[in-house]
């Protein structure tokens, strides 16, 4: 049988936590501003097209 040892990702080789965190922050910021842009677009369409 294969050995299934638990990997500790906080100390794993090649794990760049700072890069992971900056990518997550960028993703959440773009998601937030994308949602705001869609809401503004829909509001403007509601005002000017109806």
C-alpha atoms as a PDB file:
ATOM      1  CA  UNK A   1       0.000   0.000   0.000  1.00  0.00           C
ATOM      2  CA  UNK A   2       1.121   3.536  -0.649  1.00  0.00           C
ATOM      3  CA  UNK A   3       2.012   5.722   2.264  1.00  0.00           C
ATOM      4  CA  UNK A   4      -0.263   8.741   2.604  1.00  0.00           C
ATOM      5  CA  UNK A   5       1.683  11.066   4.848  1.00  0.00           C
ATOM      6  CA  UNK A   6       0.141  14.412   5.692  1.00  0.00           C
ATOM      7  CA  UNK A   7       1.815  17.318   3.899  1.00  0.00           C
ATOM      8  CA  UNK A   8       2.307  20.473   5.930  1.00  0.00           C
ATOM      9  CA  UNK A   9       1.729  23.155   3.289  1.00  0.00           C
ATOM     10  CA  UNK A  10       3.010  25.995   5.449  1.00  0.00           C
ATOM     11  CA  UNK A  11       6.525  24.534   5.314  1.00  0.00           C
ATOM     12  CA  UNK A  12       6.399  22.686   1.981  1.00  0.00           C
ATOM     13  CA  UNK A  13       9.177  23.407  -0.503  1.00  0.00           C
ATOM     14  CA  UNK A  14       8.160  25.834  -3.233  1.00  0.00           C
ATOM     15  CA  UNK A  15       5.209  27.210  -1.295  1.00  0.00           C
ATOM     16  CA  UNK A  16       5.226  30.989  -1.740  1.00  0.00           C
ATOM     17  CA  UNK A  17       2.597  32.149   0.742  1.00  0.00           C
ATOM     18  CA  UNK A  18       3.189  35.853   0.104  1.00  0.00           C
ATOM     19  CA  UNK A  19       2.539  35.373  -3.621  1.00  0.00           C
ATOM     20  CA  UNK A  20      -0.575  33.325  -2.859  1.00  0.00           C
ATOM     21  CA  UNK A  21      -1.882  36.048  -0.559  1.00  0.00           C
ATOM     22  CA  UNK A  22      -1.229  38.839  -3.084  1.00  0.00           C
ATOM     23  CA  UNK A  23      -3.011  36.832  -5.796  1.00  0.00           C
ATOM     24  CA  UNK A  24      -6.001  36.343  -3.493  1.00  0.00           C
ATOM     25  CA  UNK A  25      -6.115  40.064  -2.642  1.00  0.00           C
ATOM     26  CA  UNK A  26      -6.006  40.941  -6.360  1.00  0.00           C
ATOM     27  CA  UNK A  27      -8.757  38.407  -7.128  1.00  0.00           C
ATOM     28  CA  UNK A  28     -11.067  39.754  -4.426  1.00  0.00           C
ATOM     29  CA  UNK A  29     -10.425  43.371  -5.465  1.00  0.00           C
ATOM     30  CA  UNK A  30     -11.174  42.639  -9.124  1.00  0.00           C
ATOM     31  CA  UNK A  31     -14.302  40.723  -8.151  1.00  0.00           C
ATOM     32  CA  UNK A  32     -15.513  43.619  -6.013  1.00  0.00           C
ATOM     33  CA  UNK A  33     -14.877  46.260  -8.680  1.00  0.00           C
ATOM     34  CA  UNK A  34     -16.343  44.025 -11.384  1.00  0.00           C
ATOM     35  CA  UNK A  35     -19.552  43.617  -9.399  1.00  0.00           C
ATOM     36  CA  UNK A  36     -19.713  47.370  -8.807  1.00  0.00           C
ATOM     37  CA  UNK A  37     -19.185  48.038 -12.531  1.00  0.00           C
ATOM     38  CA  UNK A  38     -21.998  45.641 -13.464  1.00  0.00           C
ATOM     39  CA  UNK A  39     -24.326  47.281 -10.928  1.00  0.00           C
ATOM     40  CA  UNK A  40     -23.521  50.747 -12.313  1.00  0.00           C
ATOM     41  CA  UNK A  41     -24.024  49.544 -15.888  1.00  0.00           C
ATOM     42  CA  UNK A  42     -27.384  47.988 -15.060  1.00  0.00           C
ATOM     43  CA  UNK A  43     -28.475  51.128 -13.216  1.00  0.00           C
ATOM     44  CA  UNK A  44     -27.531  53.333 -16.162  1.00  0.00           C
ATOM     45  CA  UNK A  45     -29.351  51.003 -18.559  1.00  0.00           C
ATOM     46  CA  UNK A  46     -32.424  51.143 -16.312  1.00  0.00           C
ATOM     47  CA  UNK A  47     -32.339  54.953 -16.253  1.00  0.00           C
ATOM     48  CA  UNK A  48     -31.658  55.625 -19.935  1.00  0.00           C
ATOM     49  CA  UNK A  49     -33.332  52.709 -21.699  1.00  0.00           C
ATOM     50  CA  UNK A  50     -36.673  52.596 -19.913  1.00  0.00           C
END
